[in-house]
């Protein structure tokens, strides 16, 4: 290539530095590898337990100082782990479809939830027991739909959660712009019924937004986002 042709080619070529003008998103494949390593290394469990420890100290401190204290818990990735489904789907989301080839996917979320095989997080189960020992009423407020009540209740019972004060599920067919709209309304109703929510625990910012709790505790979850 002659010098003139080389200069012309250089002028026409896209500038590599131009991509730095805008933030390049994290590569999805790299993010999935990092998320799996975070889970499998034990760091996820340790970070989860650290938040629960802080929440436990708060619940123990406040329980005796308010009338009818209550604790609100999310279910998925808060009280129950869906890791077998998450790993099988490689962080993709399939609401419908069968889930009968685990540990391979695809695995439909509702089919997985209907198996009632999700396991409790040990740290959360310990907090749950401590709260009940201190006469704190525990309510589950979940984004699961009402049609899954039977399987959800069975899964909670089988994994060690007994004698809860309430299990609030989203009405079938309902939709809100954010999960926070539905969940904050559920917490408001709990307080209108005479309870004082001293702590609200979830794995999504939308679990905690909207008030109606003295304190919110956000658990780690790099695996999915619920707006």
C-alpha atoms as a PDB file:
ATOM      1  CA  UNK A   1       0.000   0.000   0.000  1.00  0.00           C
ATOM      2  CA  UNK A   2       1.381   3.410  -0.961  1.00  0.00           C
ATOM      3  CA  UNK A   3       1.785   6.207   1.537  1.00  0.00           C
ATOM      4  CA  UNK A   4      -1.194   8.119   0.141  1.00  0.00           C
ATOM      5  CA  UNK A   5      -3.405   5.058   0.247  1.00  0.00           C
ATOM      6  CA  UNK A   6      -2.279   4.309   3.811  1.00  0.00           C
ATOM      7  CA  UNK A   7      -3.127   7.845   4.961  1.00  0.00           C
ATOM      8  CA  UNK A   8      -6.535   7.629   3.280  1.00  0.00           C
ATOM      9  CA  UNK A   9      -7.243   4.295   4.988  1.00  0.00           C
ATOM     10  CA  UNK A  10      -6.266   5.722   8.364  1.00  0.00           C
ATOM     11  CA  UNK A  11      -8.560   8.699   7.874  1.00  0.00           C
ATOM     12  CA  UNK A  12     -11.497   6.462   6.976  1.00  0.00           C
ATOM     13  CA  UNK A  13     -10.945   3.939   9.768  1.00  0.00           C
ATOM     14  CA  UNK A  14     -13.051   4.387  12.940  1.00  0.00           C
ATOM     15  CA  UNK A  15     -11.112   5.784  15.854  1.00  0.00           C
ATOM     16  CA  UNK A  16     -10.664   3.061  18.486  1.00  0.00           C
ATOM     17  CA  UNK A  17     -10.647   5.631  21.214  1.00  0.00           C
ATOM     18  CA  UNK A  18     -14.127   6.753  20.268  1.00  0.00           C
ATOM     19  CA  UNK A  19     -15.734   3.950  22.301  1.00  0.00           C
ATOM     20  CA  UNK A  20     -14.419   5.540  25.479  1.00  0.00           C
ATOM     21  CA  UNK A  21     -16.796   8.458  24.941  1.00  0.00           C
ATOM     22  CA  UNK A  22     -19.574   6.240  26.358  1.00  0.00           C
ATOM     23  CA  UNK A  23     -19.406   3.667  29.127  1.00  0.00           C
ATOM     24  CA  UNK A  24     -19.252   0.154  27.691  1.00  0.00           C
ATOM     25  CA  UNK A  25     -21.539  -2.221  29.624  1.00  0.00           C
ATOM     26  CA  UNK A  26     -20.001  -5.163  31.419  1.00  0.00           C
ATOM     27  CA  UNK A  27     -19.798  -8.188  29.146  1.00  0.00           C
ATOM     28  CA  UNK A  28     -22.771 -10.401  29.980  1.00  0.00           C
ATOM     29  CA  UNK A  29     -20.734 -13.602  29.697  1.00  0.00           C
ATOM     30  CA  UNK A  30     -18.068 -12.233  32.048  1.00  0.00           C
ATOM     31  CA  UNK A  31     -20.742 -11.093  34.499  1.00  0.00           C
ATOM     32  CA  UNK A  32     -22.277 -14.579  34.578  1.00  0.00           C
ATOM     33  CA  UNK A  33     -18.887 -16.176  35.245  1.00  0.00           C
ATOM     34  CA  UNK A  34     -18.226 -13.694  38.053  1.00  0.00           C
ATOM     35  CA  UNK A  35     -21.673 -14.234  39.594  1.00  0.00           C
ATOM     36  CA  UNK A  36     -21.223 -18.015  39.645  1.00  0.00           C
ATOM     37  CA  UNK A  37     -17.750 -17.669  41.184  1.00  0.00           C
ATOM     38  CA  UNK A  38     -19.173 -15.312  43.817  1.00  0.00           C
ATOM     39  CA  UNK A  39     -21.750 -17.933  44.770  1.00  0.00           C
ATOM     40  CA  UNK A  40     -19.512 -20.993  44.606  1.00  0.00           C
ATOM     41  CA  UNK A  41     -16.587 -19.449  46.497  1.00  0.00           C
ATOM     42  CA  UNK A  42     -18.656 -19.038  49.654  1.00  0.00           C
ATOM     43  CA  UNK A  43     -18.368 -15.246  49.540  1.00  0.00           C
ATOM     44  CA  UNK A  44     -22.066 -14.891  48.762  1.00  0.00           C
ATOM     45  CA  UNK A  45     -23.031 -16.945  51.812  1.00  0.00           C
ATOM     46  CA  UNK A  46     -20.679 -14.940  54.035  1.00  0.00           C
ATOM     47  CA  UNK A  47     -21.986 -11.594  52.762  1.00  0.00           C
ATOM     48  CA  UNK A  48     -25.556 -12.842  53.195  1.00  0.00           C
ATOM     49  CA  UNK A  49     -24.855 -13.938  56.777  1.00  0.00           C
ATOM     50  CA  UNK A  50     -23.222 -10.601  57.565  1.00  0.00           C
ATOM     51  CA  UNK A  51     -26.400  -8.702  56.675  1.00  0.00           C
ATOM     52  CA  UNK A  52     -28.504 -11.176  58.664  1.00  0.00           C
ATOM     53  CA  UNK A  53     -26.241 -10.716  61.676  1.00  0.00           C
ATOM     54  CA  UNK A  54     -26.832  -6.961  61.578  1.00  0.00           C
ATOM     55  CA  UNK A  55     -30.571  -7.478  61.176  1.00  0.00           C
ATOM     56  CA  UNK A  56     -30.618  -9.965  64.056  1.00  0.00           C
ATOM     57  CA  UNK A  57     -28.959  -7.515  66.401  1.00  0.00           C
ATOM     58  CA  UNK A  58     -31.506  -4.858  65.459  1.00  0.00           C
ATOM     59  CA  UNK A  59     -34.517  -7.142  65.890  1.00  0.00           C
ATOM     60  CA  UNK A  60     -33.248  -8.345  69.269  1.00  0.00           C
ATOM     61  CA  UNK A  61     -32.686  -4.741  70.368  1.00  0.00           C
ATOM     62  CA  UNK A  62     -36.035  -3.344  69.240  1.00  0.00           C
ATOM     63  CA  UNK A  63     -38.428  -6.226  69.936  1.00  0.00           C
ATOM     64  CA  UNK A  64     -39.041  -5.366  73.577  1.00  0.00           C
ATOM     65  CA  UNK A  65     -39.488  -1.641  72.969  1.00  0.00           C
ATOM     66  CA  UNK A  66     -42.478  -1.522  70.641  1.00  0.00           C
ATOM     67  CA  UNK A  67     -46.033  -2.806  70.797  1.00  0.00           C
ATOM     68  CA  UNK A  68     -46.743  -5.792  68.533  1.00  0.00           C
ATOM     69  CA  UNK A  69     -43.364  -5.870  66.784  1.00  0.00           C
ATOM     70  CA  UNK A  70     -43.270  -7.408  63.324  1.00  0.00           C
ATOM     71  CA  UNK A  71     -40.642  -8.574  60.861  1.00  0.00           C
ATOM     72  CA  UNK A  72     -41.315  -8.637  57.102  1.00  0.00           C
ATOM     73  CA  UNK A  73     -39.385 -11.050  54.896  1.00  0.00           C
ATOM     74  CA  UNK A  74     -39.234 -11.476  51.158  1.00  0.00           C
ATOM     75  CA  UNK A  75     -39.123 -15.132  50.051  1.00  0.00           C
ATOM     76  CA  UNK A  76     -36.993 -15.708  46.942  1.00  0.00           C
ATOM     77  CA  UNK A  77     -33.247 -15.250  47.565  1.00  0.00           C
ATOM     78  CA  UNK A  78     -34.165 -13.998  51.045  1.00  0.00           C
ATOM     79  CA  UNK A  79     -35.884 -16.843  52.877  1.00  0.00           C
ATOM     80  CA  UNK A  80     -35.581 -19.562  50.222  1.00  0.00           C
ATOM     81  CA  UNK A  81     -32.759 -20.170  47.754  1.00  0.00           C
ATOM     82  CA  UNK A  82     -33.605 -20.849  44.111  1.00  0.00           C
ATOM     83  CA  UNK A  83     -30.000 -21.552  43.166  1.00  0.00           C
ATOM     84  CA  UNK A  84     -30.728 -24.898  41.403  1.00  0.00           C
ATOM     85  CA  UNK A  85     -33.098 -23.102  39.017  1.00  0.00           C
ATOM     86  CA  UNK A  86     -30.830 -20.059  38.619  1.00  0.00           C
ATOM     87  CA  UNK A  87     -27.780 -22.182  37.848  1.00  0.00           C
ATOM     88  CA  UNK A  88     -29.675 -24.457  35.463  1.00  0.00           C
ATOM     89  CA  UNK A  89     -30.865 -21.429  33.486  1.00  0.00           C
ATOM     90  CA  UNK A  90     -27.437 -19.763  33.569  1.00  0.00           C
ATOM     91  CA  UNK A  91     -29.087 -16.610  34.965  1.00  0.00           C
ATOM     92  CA  UNK A  92     -31.728 -16.457  32.213  1.00  0.00           C
ATOM     93  CA  UNK A  93     -35.393 -16.150  33.190  1.00  0.00           C
ATOM     94  CA  UNK A  94     -38.090 -18.533  31.995  1.00  0.00           C
ATOM     95  CA  UNK A  95     -41.418 -18.110  33.785  1.00  0.00           C
ATOM     96  CA  UNK A  96     -43.151 -20.894  31.886  1.00  0.00           C
ATOM     97  CA  UNK A  97     -42.012 -24.339  30.820  1.00  0.00           C
ATOM     98  CA  UNK A  98     -41.133 -27.591  32.507  1.00  0.00           C
ATOM     99  CA  UNK A  99     -38.369 -28.085  35.049  1.00  0.00           C
ATOM    100  CA  UNK A 100     -37.640 -31.789  34.941  1.00  0.00           C
ATOM    101  CA  UNK A 101     -34.025 -32.061  33.764  1.00  0.00           C
ATOM    102  CA  UNK A 102     -32.155 -30.532  36.722  1.00  0.00           C
ATOM    103  CA  UNK A 103     -29.307 -29.863  37.129  1.00  0.00           C
ATOM    104  CA  UNK A 104     -29.652 -29.076  33.440  1.00  0.00           C
ATOM    105  CA  UNK A 105     -32.007 -26.431  32.110  1.00  0.00           C
ATOM    106  CA  UNK A 106     -34.146 -24.882  30.960  1.00  0.00           C
ATOM    107  CA  UNK A 107     -36.201 -24.738  34.120  1.00  0.00           C
ATOM    108  CA  UNK A 108     -39.404 -22.694  34.219  1.00  0.00           C
ATOM    109  CA  UNK A 109     -39.597 -20.530  37.337  1.00  0.00           C
ATOM    110  CA  UNK A 110     -43.199 -21.416  38.197  1.00  0.00           C
ATOM    111  CA  UNK A 111     -42.545 -25.118  37.592  1.00  0.00           C
ATOM    112  CA  UNK A 112     -39.556 -24.905  39.928  1.00  0.00           C
ATOM    113  CA  UNK A 113     -41.533 -23.086  42.611  1.00  0.00           C
ATOM    114  CA  UNK A 114     -44.287 -25.678  42.384  1.00  0.00           C
ATOM    115  CA  UNK A 115     -41.809 -28.427  43.267  1.00  0.00           C
ATOM    116  CA  UNK A 116     -41.519 -26.802  46.732  1.00  0.00           C
ATOM    117  CA  UNK A 117     -37.884 -27.944  46.879  1.00  0.00           C
ATOM    118  CA  UNK A 118     -36.179 -24.597  47.503  1.00  0.00           C
ATOM    119  CA  UNK A 119     -34.034 -24.715  50.640  1.00  0.00           C
ATOM    120  CA  UNK A 120     -33.957 -22.196  53.457  1.00  0.00           C
ATOM    121  CA  UNK A 121     -30.935 -20.007  54.030  1.00  0.00           C
ATOM    122  CA  UNK A 122     -29.535 -21.216  57.380  1.00  0.00           C
ATOM    123  CA  UNK A 123     -28.775 -17.683  58.565  1.00  0.00           C
ATOM    124  CA  UNK A 124     -32.302 -16.520  57.806  1.00  0.00           C
ATOM    125  CA  UNK A 125     -33.831 -19.556  59.449  1.00  0.00           C
ATOM    126  CA  UNK A 126     -31.862 -18.740  62.605  1.00  0.00           C
ATOM    127  CA  UNK A 127     -33.079 -15.126  62.521  1.00  0.00           C
ATOM    128  CA  UNK A 128     -36.641 -16.353  62.032  1.00  0.00           C
ATOM    129  CA  UNK A 129     -36.434 -18.555  65.123  1.00  0.00           C
ATOM    130  CA  UNK A 130     -34.872 -15.812  67.221  1.00  0.00           C
ATOM    131  CA  UNK A 131     -37.555 -13.325  66.180  1.00  0.00           C
ATOM    132  CA  UNK A 132     -40.313 -15.694  67.245  1.00  0.00           C
ATOM    133  CA  UNK A 133     -38.593 -16.314  70.573  1.00  0.00           C
ATOM    134  CA  UNK A 134     -38.770 -12.546  71.146  1.00  0.00           C
ATOM    135  CA  UNK A 135     -42.499 -12.466  70.287  1.00  0.00           C
ATOM    136  CA  UNK A 136     -41.949 -10.802  66.921  1.00  0.00           C
ATOM    137  CA  UNK A 137     -44.666 -11.606  64.372  1.00  0.00           C
ATOM    138  CA  UNK A 138     -43.152 -12.642  61.036  1.00  0.00           C
ATOM    139  CA  UNK A 139     -44.855 -11.870  57.731  1.00  0.00           C
ATOM    140  CA  UNK A 140     -43.745 -13.081  54.314  1.00  0.00           C
ATOM    141  CA  UNK A 141     -44.440 -10.595  51.516  1.00  0.00           C
ATOM    142  CA  UNK A 142     -43.553 -12.081  48.151  1.00  0.00           C
ATOM    143  CA  UNK A 143     -43.879 -11.243  44.478  1.00  0.00           C
ATOM    144  CA  UNK A 144     -45.129 -14.775  43.817  1.00  0.00           C
ATOM    145  CA  UNK A 145     -48.741 -14.933  42.675  1.00  0.00           C
ATOM    146  CA  UNK A 146     -51.715 -16.119  44.696  1.00  0.00           C
ATOM    147  CA  UNK A 147     -52.054 -19.222  42.499  1.00  0.00           C
ATOM    148  CA  UNK A 148     -48.830 -20.491  44.085  1.00  0.00           C
ATOM    149  CA  UNK A 149     -49.996 -20.164  47.687  1.00  0.00           C
ATOM    150  CA  UNK A 150     -50.297 -23.890  48.413  1.00  0.00           C
ATOM    151  CA  UNK A 151     -46.868 -24.795  47.038  1.00  0.00           C
ATOM    152  CA  UNK A 152     -45.212 -21.763  48.603  1.00  0.00           C
ATOM    153  CA  UNK A 153     -46.653 -22.494  52.039  1.00  0.00           C
ATOM    154  CA  UNK A 154     -45.627 -26.138  51.725  1.00  0.00           C
ATOM    155  CA  UNK A 155     -42.079 -25.152  50.782  1.00  0.00           C
ATOM    156  CA  UNK A 156     -41.778 -22.733  53.701  1.00  0.00           C
ATOM    157  CA  UNK A 157     -43.025 -25.356  56.134  1.00  0.00           C
ATOM    158  CA  UNK A 158     -40.799 -28.091  54.725  1.00  0.00           C
ATOM    159  CA  UNK A 159     -37.715 -25.911  54.963  1.00  0.00           C
ATOM    160  CA  UNK A 160     -38.289 -25.015  58.613  1.00  0.00           C
ATOM    161  CA  UNK A 161     -40.423 -21.862  58.670  1.00  0.00           C
ATOM    162  CA  UNK A 162     -43.388 -22.525  60.948  1.00  0.00           C
ATOM    163  CA  UNK A 163     -46.163 -20.472  62.560  1.00  0.00           C
ATOM    164  CA  UNK A 164     -45.746 -17.270  60.571  1.00  0.00           C
ATOM    165  CA  UNK A 165     -48.212 -14.453  61.133  1.00  0.00           C
ATOM    166  CA  UNK A 166     -49.027 -13.948  57.460  1.00  0.00           C
ATOM    167  CA  UNK A 167     -48.165 -14.912  53.886  1.00  0.00           C
ATOM    168  CA  UNK A 168     -48.930 -12.138  51.400  1.00  0.00           C
ATOM    169  CA  UNK A 169     -48.854 -13.004  47.692  1.00  0.00           C
ATOM    170  CA  UNK A 170     -49.550 -10.836  44.668  1.00  0.00           C
ATOM    171  CA  UNK A 171     -53.130 -11.148  43.349  1.00  0.00           C
ATOM    172  CA  UNK A 172     -53.295 -13.198  40.161  1.00  0.00           C
ATOM    173  CA  UNK A 173     -53.140 -11.017  37.074  1.00  0.00           C
ATOM    174  CA  UNK A 174     -52.060  -7.891  38.950  1.00  0.00           C
ATOM    175  CA  UNK A 175     -49.251  -5.665  37.691  1.00  0.00           C
ATOM    176  CA  UNK A 176     -47.471  -2.640  39.107  1.00  0.00           C
ATOM    177  CA  UNK A 177     -44.710  -0.462  37.674  1.00  0.00           C
ATOM    178  CA  UNK A 178     -42.436  -1.657  40.462  1.00  0.00           C
ATOM    179  CA  UNK A 179     -42.592  -4.423  43.022  1.00  0.00           C
ATOM    180  CA  UNK A 180     -42.201  -1.678  45.609  1.00  0.00           C
ATOM    181  CA  UNK A 181     -45.727  -0.412  44.860  1.00  0.00           C
ATOM    182  CA  UNK A 182     -47.283  -3.735  45.784  1.00  0.00           C
ATOM    183  CA  UNK A 183     -44.945  -4.536  48.673  1.00  0.00           C
ATOM    184  CA  UNK A 184     -45.110  -1.161  50.375  1.00  0.00           C
ATOM    185  CA  UNK A 185     -48.921  -1.357  50.236  1.00  0.00           C
ATOM    186  CA  UNK A 186     -48.738  -4.792  51.861  1.00  0.00           C
ATOM    187  CA  UNK A 187     -46.558  -3.426  54.660  1.00  0.00           C
ATOM    188  CA  UNK A 188     -48.914  -0.502  55.121  1.00  0.00           C
ATOM    189  CA  UNK A 189     -51.785  -2.959  55.568  1.00  0.00           C
ATOM    190  CA  UNK A 190     -49.786  -4.894  58.190  1.00  0.00           C
ATOM    191  CA  UNK A 191     -49.220  -1.701  60.159  1.00  0.00           C
ATOM    192  CA  UNK A 192     -52.879  -0.715  59.792  1.00  0.00           C
ATOM    193  CA  UNK A 193     -53.701  -4.047  61.406  1.00  0.00           C
ATOM    194  CA  UNK A 194     -51.867  -2.870  64.506  1.00  0.00           C
ATOM    195  CA  UNK A 195     -48.338  -4.212  64.018  1.00  0.00           C
ATOM    196  CA  UNK A 196     -45.155  -2.171  64.197  1.00  0.00           C
ATOM    197  CA  UNK A 197     -42.666  -3.324  61.547  1.00  0.00           C
ATOM    198  CA  UNK A 198     -39.230  -3.036  63.088  1.00  0.00           C
ATOM    199  CA  UNK A 199     -37.381  -4.623  60.159  1.00  0.00           C
ATOM    200  CA  UNK A 200     -37.952  -5.418  56.500  1.00  0.00           C
ATOM    201  CA  UNK A 201     -35.510  -7.760  54.748  1.00  0.00           C
ATOM    202  CA  UNK A 202     -35.146  -8.459  51.039  1.00  0.00           C
ATOM    203  CA  UNK A 203     -32.659  -9.018  48.244  1.00  0.00           C
ATOM    204  CA  UNK A 204     -33.948  -6.284  45.893  1.00  0.00           C
ATOM    205  CA  UNK A 205     -34.028  -2.513  46.418  1.00  0.00           C
ATOM    206  CA  UNK A 206     -37.701  -2.727  45.407  1.00  0.00           C
ATOM    207  CA  UNK A 207     -38.307  -5.005  48.419  1.00  0.00           C
ATOM    208  CA  UNK A 208     -37.338  -2.154  50.722  1.00  0.00           C
ATOM    209  CA  UNK A 209     -38.573   0.968  48.944  1.00  0.00           C
ATOM    210  CA  UNK A 210     -41.750   2.722  49.970  1.00  0.00           C
ATOM    211  CA  UNK A 211     -41.419   2.912  53.737  1.00  0.00           C
ATOM    212  CA  UNK A 212     -43.582   1.256  56.414  1.00  0.00           C
ATOM    213  CA  UNK A 213     -40.643  -0.250  58.315  1.00  0.00           C
ATOM    214  CA  UNK A 214     -38.215   1.169  60.844  1.00  0.00           C
ATOM    215  CA  UNK A 215     -35.230  -0.306  59.022  1.00  0.00           C
ATOM    216  CA  UNK A 216     -34.601  -2.157  55.788  1.00  0.00           C
ATOM    217  CA  UNK A 217     -31.832  -4.679  55.242  1.00  0.00           C
ATOM    218  CA  UNK A 218     -30.669  -5.399  51.688  1.00  0.00           C
ATOM    219  CA  UNK A 219     -29.202  -8.839  51.055  1.00  0.00           C
ATOM    220  CA  UNK A 220     -26.682  -9.426  48.240  1.00  0.00           C
ATOM    221  CA  UNK A 221     -28.079 -10.670  44.934  1.00  0.00           C
ATOM    222  CA  UNK A 222     -26.053 -10.154  41.740  1.00  0.00           C
ATOM    223  CA  UNK A 223     -28.036 -12.893  39.989  1.00  0.00           C
ATOM    224  CA  UNK A 224     -31.141 -10.971  38.841  1.00  0.00           C
ATOM    225  CA  UNK A 225     -32.960  -7.668  39.306  1.00  0.00           C
ATOM    226  CA  UNK A 226     -36.630  -7.069  40.070  1.00  0.00           C
ATOM    227  CA  UNK A 227     -37.566  -3.431  39.366  1.00  0.00           C
END
